[in-house]
Amino acid sequence: MNHDYEVEDIHLAPSGRVKISWAGRWMGVLNRLEKRFASDGVFKGKRVAICIHLEAKTAYLAEVIQRLGAEVWITSSNPTSSKDDVCAALAEKGIHVFARHDATSTDFESYLEAITSCKPHAIVDDGGDVCDYLGKHPDYAASLMGICEETTTGVNRLKEKHDRGELSFPAFAINDAQSKYLFDNRHGTGQSTWSSIMNLTNLNVVGKTVVVIGFGWVGRGVAQRAAGLGAEIIVTEIDPWKAWEARMEGFRIMPIMEAAPQGDYFVTCTGEERVIRKEHLEMMKDGAFLSNAGHFGYEIDIPVLRDMAVGTKILRDKVEEFTMQDGHRLYLLADGDIINIAGGLGHPVEIMDMSFSLQLATMHHVLSPPDLAPGLHVVPTHIDEMIVREKMAVEKFNIDIDPQEES
């Protein structure tokens, strides 16, 4: 067995194995695809690199790819989301895992080097960091047949590279497939964001005012779940169509400056930097909670928040209190990192079953002949539709639909 790995403590593996096994029990579509792809040998002998939030569900995807015959290298796209026991369990299985919870930026750079220096044939990326790294180290892309990008943030970065003519290999916008954004971004993030916030605070949501910043698919899910919990919802937006859509959902719409003094909970869902800034923080009421549901932890201007505070202290796990000059207090959850994973267990397993099945099926497409042209690709419709039909078959929710009539 290959022991090429870097983890916090290999002796944590038994705990991680329990978590991975639990996730695998509920990933019915992924298990069906594993059986489907086992006989064609497409993955056999291939090298696959994965950079994604490293917890039990992603670990199970890595193990499926390994069982299909590929050699797998994996790291976390966000050090705060890495689960050390899960990393240890992967290492024990012979997967090349390079990750630690709360790893430094220097560590992260070395981990990107570790997973790409094998010159992978296929990559699962989450946020675009691997793609950026390959731009600086093109030799590592010598064997690359394609990248599968998981997130809104990562797809936006790919689109920018494609428009500039800098995308020298095929890349698939997994996030833009309906089987991803309609379920993972909306329902997955909606549920996991609020389960994390409620677990960290142990406080009611009912009757509180929730300010959702950004009404993309993530913002939709966060707002809808909060409304279902009995909260009053304010949405802030810069896009007039999304703002009007939020209004049609029954939510109040206003600029952040107007929402700042009204909110009890703030959740950023934009993927943009510094959407909550000093002028907003100054307006917030005593006891307001700040959290981020975006991929990167820069949507709240945390350095400015620290500069503004006259005192800080940790009150609960992942809950930090900031006392302002005038005595009012703000509470930052999960250090401003992605709340549903940095402060919780991530999306429900059944939701990620669809997203990771889409990853696996698209990777199978990437690794199958003929070779694909460089540039940004959409997930083929037949793959996208296959995933949702498989999900309906697996879950048995008493769902049946009419056949399409032939024209």
Protein backbone atom coordinates (compact mmCIF):
# COMPACT_ATOMS: atom_id res chain seq x y z
CA MET A 1 0.00 0.00 0.00
CA ASN A 2 1.30 3.48 -0.90
CA HIS A 3 1.85 5.72 2.13
CA ASP A 4 2.49 8.96 0.22
CA TYR A 5 0.39 11.33 2.33
CA GLU A 6 0.47 14.19 4.82
CA VAL A 7 -2.25 14.20 7.49
CA GLU A 8 -2.58 15.35 11.08
CA ASP A 9 -2.69 11.90 12.71
CA ILE A 10 -3.03 8.56 10.90
CA HIS A 11 -4.37 7.02 14.13
CA LEU A 12 -7.62 8.97 13.65
CA ALA A 13 -8.49 6.69 10.71
CA PRO A 14 -11.07 4.47 12.52
CA SER A 15 -13.24 7.50 13.34
CA GLY A 16 -13.00 8.73 9.75
CA ARG A 17 -13.84 5.27 8.39
CA VAL A 18 -17.13 5.26 10.32
CA LYS A 19 -18.08 8.65 8.81
CA ILE A 20 -17.16 7.63 5.25
CA SER A 21 -19.08 4.37 5.56
CA TRP A 22 -22.16 6.24 6.79
CA ALA A 23 -22.01 8.63 3.83
CA GLY A 24 -21.58 5.78 1.36
CA ARG A 25 -24.64 4.02 2.74
CA TRP A 26 -26.85 6.88 1.49
CA MET A 27 -25.17 7.69 -1.83
CA GLY A 28 -27.32 5.43 -3.97
CA VAL A 29 -26.74 7.11 -7.34
CA LEU A 30 -22.98 7.14 -6.90
CA ASN A 31 -23.06 3.44 -5.99
CA ARG A 32 -25.11 2.64 -9.09
CA LEU A 33 -22.67 4.55 -11.31
CA GLU A 34 -19.75 2.72 -9.75
CA LYS A 35 -21.30 -0.58 -10.83
CA ARG A 36 -22.09 0.83 -14.29
CA PHE A 37 -18.53 2.07 -14.91
CA ALA A 38 -16.70 -0.87 -13.32
CA SER A 39 -16.68 -3.00 -16.47
CA ASP A 40 -15.47 -0.53 -19.11
CA GLY A 41 -12.03 0.21 -17.63
CA VAL A 42 -12.12 3.95 -18.39
CA PHE A 43 -10.66 4.88 -14.99
CA LYS A 44 -8.14 2.04 -14.89
CA GLY A 45 -4.56 3.30 -14.67
CA LYS A 46 -5.58 6.96 -14.75
CA ARG A 47 -4.30 9.60 -12.32
CA VAL A 48 -7.00 11.78 -10.74
CA ALA A 49 -6.39 14.88 -8.60
CA ILE A 50 -9.12 16.29 -6.36
CA CYS A 51 -9.22 19.64 -4.56
CA ILE A 52 -12.52 19.94 -2.70
CA HIS A 53 -13.90 20.38 0.82
CA LEU A 54 -12.46 17.28 2.43
CA GLU A 55 -15.04 15.55 4.57
CA ALA A 56 -16.85 12.21 4.56
CA LYS A 57 -18.93 12.65 1.40
CA THR A 58 -16.05 13.86 -0.75
CA ALA A 59 -13.90 11.11 0.70
CA TYR A 60 -16.42 8.55 -0.50
CA LEU A 61 -16.24 9.98 -4.03
CA ALA A 62 -12.44 9.64 -3.89
CA GLU A 63 -12.74 6.01 -2.81
CA VAL A 64 -15.21 5.22 -5.61
CA ILE A 65 -12.76 6.65 -8.14
CA GLN A 66 -9.98 4.57 -6.58
CA ARG A 67 -12.08 1.38 -6.70
CA LEU A 68 -12.72 2.03 -10.40
CA GLY A 69 -8.99 1.69 -10.98
CA ALA A 70 -7.58 5.21 -10.78
CA GLU A 71 -4.77 6.43 -8.55
CA VAL A 72 -6.10 9.36 -6.52
CA TRP A 73 -4.44 12.46 -5.06
CA ILE A 74 -6.60 14.72 -2.89
CA THR A 75 -6.43 17.91 -0.83
CA SER A 76 -8.97 20.32 0.64
CA SER A 77 -10.13 23.46 -1.15
CA ASN A 78 -10.54 25.15 2.25
CA PRO A 79 -8.37 24.16 5.24
CA THR A 80 -11.13 25.02 7.72
CA SER A 81 -13.38 22.37 6.17
CA SER A 82 -10.84 19.54 6.38
CA LYS A 83 -11.79 16.74 8.77
CA ASP A 84 -8.58 15.20 10.11
CA ASP A 85 -10.07 11.79 10.87
CA VAL A 86 -11.50 11.52 7.35
CA CYS A 87 -8.11 12.47 5.87
CA ALA A 88 -6.47 9.74 7.95
CA ALA A 89 -8.99 7.15 6.76
CA LEU A 90 -8.25 8.02 3.12
CA ALA A 91 -4.52 7.78 3.71
CA GLU A 92 -4.98 4.35 5.28
CA LYS A 93 -6.74 3.25 2.08
CA GLY A 94 -3.72 4.19 -0.03
CA ILE A 95 -5.08 7.47 -1.38
CA HIS A 96 -2.50 10.26 -1.60
CA VAL A 97 -4.09 12.77 0.76
CA PHE A 98 -2.46 16.07 1.70
CA ALA A 99 -4.64 18.01 4.10
CA ARG A 100 -4.95 19.21 7.68
CA HIS A 101 -7.65 21.16 9.45
CA ASP A 102 -6.57 24.82 9.66
CA ALA A 103 -3.54 24.29 7.42
CA THR A 104 -1.60 27.46 6.61
CA SER A 105 -1.57 29.14 3.20
CA THR A 106 2.01 27.91 2.78
CA ASP A 107 0.84 24.36 3.50
CA PHE A 108 -1.99 24.75 1.00
CA GLU A 109 0.42 25.80 -1.74
CA SER A 110 2.57 22.73 -1.02
CA TYR A 111 -0.54 20.52 -1.12
CA LEU A 112 -1.47 21.85 -4.57
CA GLU A 113 2.04 20.96 -5.67
CA ALA A 114 1.65 17.49 -4.18
CA ILE A 115 -1.60 16.66 -6.01
CA THR A 116 -0.66 18.14 -9.40
CA SER A 117 2.97 17.05 -9.74
CA CYS A 118 1.70 13.56 -10.59
CA LYS A 119 0.54 15.08 -13.92
CA PRO A 120 -3.09 13.99 -13.54
CA HIS A 121 -5.34 12.88 -16.38
CA ALA A 122 -8.44 14.39 -14.73
CA ILE A 123 -9.08 16.92 -11.97
CA VAL A 124 -11.99 17.73 -9.68
CA ASP A 125 -11.62 21.38 -8.67
CA ASP A 126 -13.64 23.45 -6.19
CA GLY A 127 -13.14 27.19 -6.46
CA GLY A 128 -10.63 27.22 -9.30
CA ASP A 129 -7.42 27.00 -7.26
CA VAL A 130 -6.02 23.98 -9.10
CA CYS A 131 -6.77 25.58 -12.44
CA ASP A 132 -4.93 28.73 -11.35
CA TYR A 133 -2.01 26.64 -10.09
CA LEU A 134 -1.70 24.84 -13.42
CA GLY A 135 -1.51 28.22 -15.13
CA LYS A 136 1.69 28.84 -13.17
CA HIS A 137 2.96 25.26 -13.64
CA PRO A 138 1.82 24.20 -17.12
CA ASP A 139 4.14 21.17 -17.13
CA TYR A 140 1.85 19.52 -14.60
CA ALA A 141 -1.00 19.68 -17.14
CA ALA A 142 0.92 17.64 -19.70
CA SER A 143 -1.40 14.62 -19.41
CA LEU A 144 -4.55 16.50 -18.49
CA MET A 145 -7.68 15.45 -20.35
CA GLY A 146 -10.05 17.73 -18.45
CA ILE A 147 -11.11 19.55 -15.28
CA CYS A 148 -14.51 19.26 -13.60
CA GLU A 149 -15.28 22.46 -11.62
CA GLU A 150 -17.73 22.17 -8.73
CA THR A 151 -18.61 25.71 -7.64
CA THR A 152 -20.10 28.99 -8.80
CA THR A 153 -16.91 30.82 -7.84
CA GLY A 154 -14.73 28.36 -9.73
CA VAL A 155 -16.89 28.43 -12.85
CA ASN A 156 -16.77 32.23 -12.88
CA ARG A 157 -12.98 32.08 -12.77
CA LEU A 158 -12.98 29.55 -15.61
CA LYS A 159 -15.24 31.79 -17.69
CA GLU A 160 -12.82 34.67 -17.25
CA LYS A 161 -9.90 32.49 -18.37
CA HIS A 162 -11.90 31.17 -21.32
CA ASP A 163 -12.81 34.70 -22.42
CA ARG A 164 -9.15 35.73 -22.26
CA GLY A 165 -8.10 32.67 -24.26
CA GLU A 166 -6.08 31.29 -21.33
CA LEU A 167 -7.88 27.96 -20.89
CA SER A 168 -5.55 25.47 -22.57
CA PHE A 169 -7.40 22.30 -21.55
CA PRO A 170 -11.05 21.16 -21.46
CA ALA A 171 -12.97 22.28 -18.37
CA PHE A 172 -16.53 21.37 -17.47
CA ALA A 173 -18.83 23.73 -15.56
CA ILE A 174 -20.33 21.16 -13.19
CA ASN A 175 -21.96 23.93 -11.19
CA ASP A 176 -23.98 25.05 -14.22
CA ALA A 177 -25.66 21.67 -14.64
CA GLN A 178 -29.27 21.52 -13.42
CA SER A 179 -28.57 18.41 -11.33
CA LYS A 180 -26.08 20.54 -9.38
CA TYR A 181 -27.39 24.06 -8.87
CA LEU A 182 -31.10 23.27 -8.52
CA PHE A 183 -30.43 20.92 -5.60
CA ASP A 184 -26.93 21.34 -4.15
CA ASN A 185 -26.69 25.14 -4.30
CA ARG A 186 -30.27 25.79 -3.24
CA HIS A 187 -31.56 22.96 -1.04
CA GLY A 188 -28.18 21.65 0.14
CA THR A 189 -26.82 25.04 1.15
CA GLY A 190 -30.17 26.15 2.53
CA GLN A 191 -30.46 23.23 4.93
CA SER A 192 -26.81 22.94 5.91
CA THR A 193 -26.36 26.69 6.48
CA TRP A 194 -29.21 26.86 8.96
CA SER A 195 -28.43 23.57 10.68
CA SER A 196 -24.89 24.91 11.24
CA ILE A 197 -26.03 28.32 12.48
CA MET A 198 -28.58 26.78 14.85
CA ASN A 199 -26.09 24.24 16.14
CA LEU A 200 -23.41 26.88 16.77
CA THR A 201 -25.73 29.37 18.49
CA ASN A 202 -28.46 27.15 20.02
CA LEU A 203 -30.84 30.06 19.45
CA ASN A 204 -34.22 30.49 17.80
CA VAL A 205 -34.57 31.65 14.21
CA VAL A 206 -38.34 32.20 14.42
CA GLY A 207 -39.26 35.87 14.70
CA LYS A 208 -35.74 37.03 13.87
CA THR A 209 -34.82 39.19 10.88
CA VAL A 210 -32.46 37.45 8.46
CA VAL A 211 -30.54 39.51 5.89
CA VAL A 212 -29.54 37.40 2.88
CA ILE A 213 -26.91 39.16 0.79
CA GLY A 214 -27.17 37.88 -2.78
CA PHE A 215 -30.09 36.00 -4.30
CA GLY A 216 -28.40 33.51 -6.58
CA TRP A 217 -29.14 29.82 -6.14
CA VAL A 218 -27.35 29.76 -2.78
CA GLY A 219 -29.14 32.88 -1.56
CA ARG A 220 -32.48 31.47 -2.69
CA GLY A 221 -31.95 28.37 -0.59
CA VAL A 222 -30.76 30.28 2.47
CA ALA A 223 -33.73 32.66 2.28
CA GLN A 224 -36.32 29.93 1.69
CA ARG A 225 -35.10 27.80 4.59
CA ALA A 226 -34.97 30.78 6.94
CA ALA A 227 -38.52 31.71 5.96
CA GLY A 228 -39.59 28.14 6.66
CA LEU A 229 -38.07 28.46 10.14
CA GLY A 230 -40.26 31.49 10.83
CA ALA A 231 -37.82 34.31 10.16
CA GLU A 232 -38.56 37.61 8.43
CA ILE A 233 -36.38 37.90 5.31
CA ILE A 234 -34.59 40.89 3.82
CA VAL A 235 -32.68 40.36 0.58
CA THR A 236 -29.99 42.70 -0.73
CA GLU A 237 -29.02 42.53 -4.41
CA ILE A 238 -27.26 44.42 -7.21
CA ASP A 239 -29.04 42.47 -9.98
CA PRO A 240 -32.51 43.88 -10.76
CA TRP A 241 -33.90 40.56 -12.04
CA LYS A 242 -32.79 38.68 -8.94
CA ALA A 243 -34.11 41.47 -6.74
CA TRP A 244 -37.50 41.32 -8.42
CA GLU A 245 -37.51 37.53 -8.18
CA ALA A 246 -36.87 37.80 -4.44
CA ARG A 247 -39.74 40.27 -4.17
CA MET A 248 -42.00 37.82 -6.02
CA GLU A 249 -41.05 35.26 -3.37
CA GLY A 250 -42.45 37.64 -0.78
CA PHE A 251 -39.17 38.96 0.62
CA ARG A 252 -38.28 42.57 1.40
CA ILE A 253 -35.61 44.13 -0.81
CA MET A 254 -33.33 46.99 0.20
CA PRO A 255 -29.67 48.14 0.08
CA ILE A 256 -27.29 46.71 2.68
CA MET A 257 -27.01 50.07 4.46
CA GLU A 258 -30.77 50.04 5.09
CA ALA A 259 -30.76 46.39 6.12
CA ALA A 260 -27.74 46.67 8.44
CA PRO A 261 -29.56 48.09 11.49
CA GLN A 262 -32.49 45.67 11.08
CA GLY A 263 -30.80 42.28 10.84
CA ASP A 264 -30.40 39.70 13.58
CA TYR A 265 -28.62 37.24 11.25
CA PHE A 266 -26.57 38.18 8.18
CA VAL A 267 -25.63 35.53 5.61
CA THR A 268 -23.44 36.47 2.63
CA CYS A 269 -24.08 34.47 -0.54
CA THR A 270 -22.32 36.39 -3.33
CA GLY A 271 -18.84 34.99 -3.98
CA GLU A 272 -17.60 38.60 -3.99
CA GLU A 273 -15.10 40.30 -1.69
CA ARG A 274 -16.04 42.63 1.18
CA VAL A 275 -19.79 42.82 0.68
CA ILE A 276 -20.12 43.53 4.41
CA ARG A 277 -17.82 46.47 5.15
CA LYS A 278 -17.02 48.95 7.91
CA GLU A 279 -19.96 51.24 7.17
CA HIS A 280 -22.36 48.28 7.48
CA LEU A 281 -20.78 46.91 10.64
CA GLU A 282 -21.09 50.32 12.31
CA MET A 283 -24.86 50.27 11.71
CA MET A 284 -25.60 46.78 13.05
CA LYS A 285 -27.59 46.22 16.22
CA ASP A 286 -26.24 44.74 19.43
CA GLY A 287 -26.19 40.95 19.17
CA ALA A 288 -26.21 40.60 15.37
CA PHE A 289 -24.69 37.40 13.94
CA LEU A 290 -22.40 37.42 10.89
CA SER A 291 -21.94 34.36 8.68
CA ASN A 292 -20.82 33.53 5.16
CA ALA A 293 -22.22 30.86 2.85
CA GLY A 294 -19.86 31.65 -0.05
CA HIS A 295 -16.87 29.57 -1.08
CA PHE A 296 -14.14 31.94 0.13
CA GLY A 297 -13.97 33.61 3.54
CA TYR A 298 -13.60 37.15 2.26
CA GLU A 299 -17.22 38.31 1.91
CA ILE A 300 -17.17 39.85 5.41
CA ASP A 301 -14.33 42.34 5.96
CA ILE A 302 -12.96 40.55 9.01
CA PRO A 303 -9.68 42.54 9.26
CA VAL A 304 -11.73 45.74 9.53
CA LEU A 305 -14.05 44.08 12.08
CA ARG A 306 -11.01 43.21 14.22
CA ASP A 307 -9.65 46.75 13.91
CA MET A 308 -13.00 48.20 14.97
CA ALA A 309 -13.36 46.00 18.05
CA VAL A 310 -12.10 47.10 21.46
CA GLY A 311 -12.29 43.52 22.67
CA THR A 312 -12.86 39.99 21.37
CA LYS A 313 -13.46 36.61 22.97
CA ILE A 314 -14.55 33.11 22.01
CA LEU A 315 -17.90 32.36 23.63
CA ARG A 316 -18.66 28.98 22.05
CA ASP A 317 -16.99 26.77 19.48
CA LYS A 318 -16.84 28.84 16.25
CA VAL A 319 -18.63 31.80 17.86
CA GLU A 320 -16.46 34.90 18.43
CA GLU A 321 -17.74 38.05 20.13
CA PHE A 322 -16.55 41.50 18.99
CA THR A 323 -17.23 44.41 21.33
CA MET A 324 -17.41 47.77 19.56
CA GLN A 325 -16.35 51.19 20.86
CA ASP A 326 -19.94 52.06 21.89
CA GLY A 327 -20.38 48.76 23.74
CA HIS A 328 -22.56 46.90 21.25
CA ARG A 329 -21.52 43.37 20.33
CA LEU A 330 -21.35 41.48 17.04
CA TYR A 331 -20.89 37.72 16.73
CA LEU A 332 -18.85 36.12 13.94
CA LEU A 333 -19.62 32.49 13.13
CA ALA A 334 -17.02 29.98 11.87
CA ASP A 335 -14.40 32.74 11.45
CA GLY A 336 -16.28 34.01 8.39
CA ASP A 337 -15.43 30.86 6.44
CA ILE A 338 -18.04 28.81 4.60
CA ILE A 339 -20.53 28.31 7.40
CA ASN A 340 -22.09 25.00 6.41
CA ILE A 341 -18.77 23.12 6.40
CA ALA A 342 -16.41 25.20 8.56
CA GLY A 343 -19.16 25.31 11.19
CA GLY A 344 -20.97 22.05 10.49
CA LEU A 345 -21.15 18.81 8.53
CA GLY A 346 -21.86 20.26 5.09
CA HIS A 347 -24.73 19.42 2.77
CA PRO A 348 -27.02 16.45 3.41
CA VAL A 349 -25.57 13.23 2.02
CA GLU A 350 -28.43 12.62 -0.42
CA ILE A 351 -27.92 16.07 -1.96
CA MET A 352 -24.21 15.51 -2.49
CA ASP A 353 -25.00 12.10 -3.97
CA MET A 354 -26.32 13.97 -7.01
CA SER A 355 -23.44 16.44 -7.24
CA PHE A 356 -20.74 13.81 -6.91
CA SER A 357 -22.50 11.44 -9.28
CA LEU A 358 -22.47 14.29 -11.78
CA GLN A 359 -18.74 14.70 -11.13
CA LEU A 360 -18.09 10.99 -11.64
CA ALA A 361 -20.17 10.73 -14.82
CA THR A 362 -18.61 13.86 -16.32
CA MET A 363 -15.13 12.61 -15.45
CA HIS A 364 -15.97 9.32 -17.17
CA HIS A 365 -16.90 11.42 -20.23
CA VAL A 366 -13.60 13.35 -19.97
CA LEU A 367 -11.51 10.19 -19.79
CA SER A 368 -13.32 8.45 -22.65
CA PRO A 369 -12.21 8.94 -26.27
CA PRO A 370 -12.24 11.05 -28.32
CA ASP A 371 -10.15 13.83 -26.75
CA LEU A 372 -12.07 17.04 -26.10
CA ALA A 373 -11.19 20.52 -27.34
CA PRO A 374 -9.67 23.04 -24.91
CA GLY A 375 -12.03 25.61 -23.42
CA LEU A 376 -15.08 25.75 -21.19
CA HIS A 377 -17.70 23.05 -21.76
CA VAL A 378 -21.22 22.51 -20.44
CA VAL A 379 -22.11 19.13 -18.98
CA PRO A 380 -23.77 17.12 -21.79
CA THR A 381 -27.54 17.08 -21.40
CA HIS A 382 -27.75 13.30 -21.46
CA ILE A 383 -25.43 13.10 -18.43
CA ASP A 384 -27.32 15.80 -16.53
CA GLU A 385 -30.65 14.09 -17.17
CA MET A 386 -29.28 10.64 -16.35
CA ILE A 387 -28.31 11.82 -12.86
CA VAL A 388 -31.74 13.16 -11.93
CA ARG A 389 -33.51 10.11 -13.36
CA GLU A 390 -31.19 7.81 -11.40
CA LYS A 391 -31.93 9.86 -8.28
CA MET A 392 -35.66 9.43 -8.75
CA ALA A 393 -35.17 5.69 -9.17
CA VAL A 394 -32.99 5.41 -6.06
CA GLU A 395 -35.04 7.50 -3.66
CA LYS A 396 -38.45 6.03 -4.57
CA PHE A 397 -40.33 9.19 -3.56
CA ASN A 398 -43.40 7.95 -5.45
CA ILE A 399 -42.38 10.22 -8.31
CA ASP A 400 -43.39 9.28 -11.82
CA ILE A 401 -43.50 11.58 -14.82
CA ASP A 402 -45.10 11.44 -18.23
CA PRO A 403 -42.95 10.19 -21.12
CA GLN A 404 -41.91 12.74 -23.71
CA GLU A 405 -43.93 12.46 -26.88
CA GLU A 406 -41.95 11.83 -30.01
CA SER A 407 -42.22 14.64 -32.56
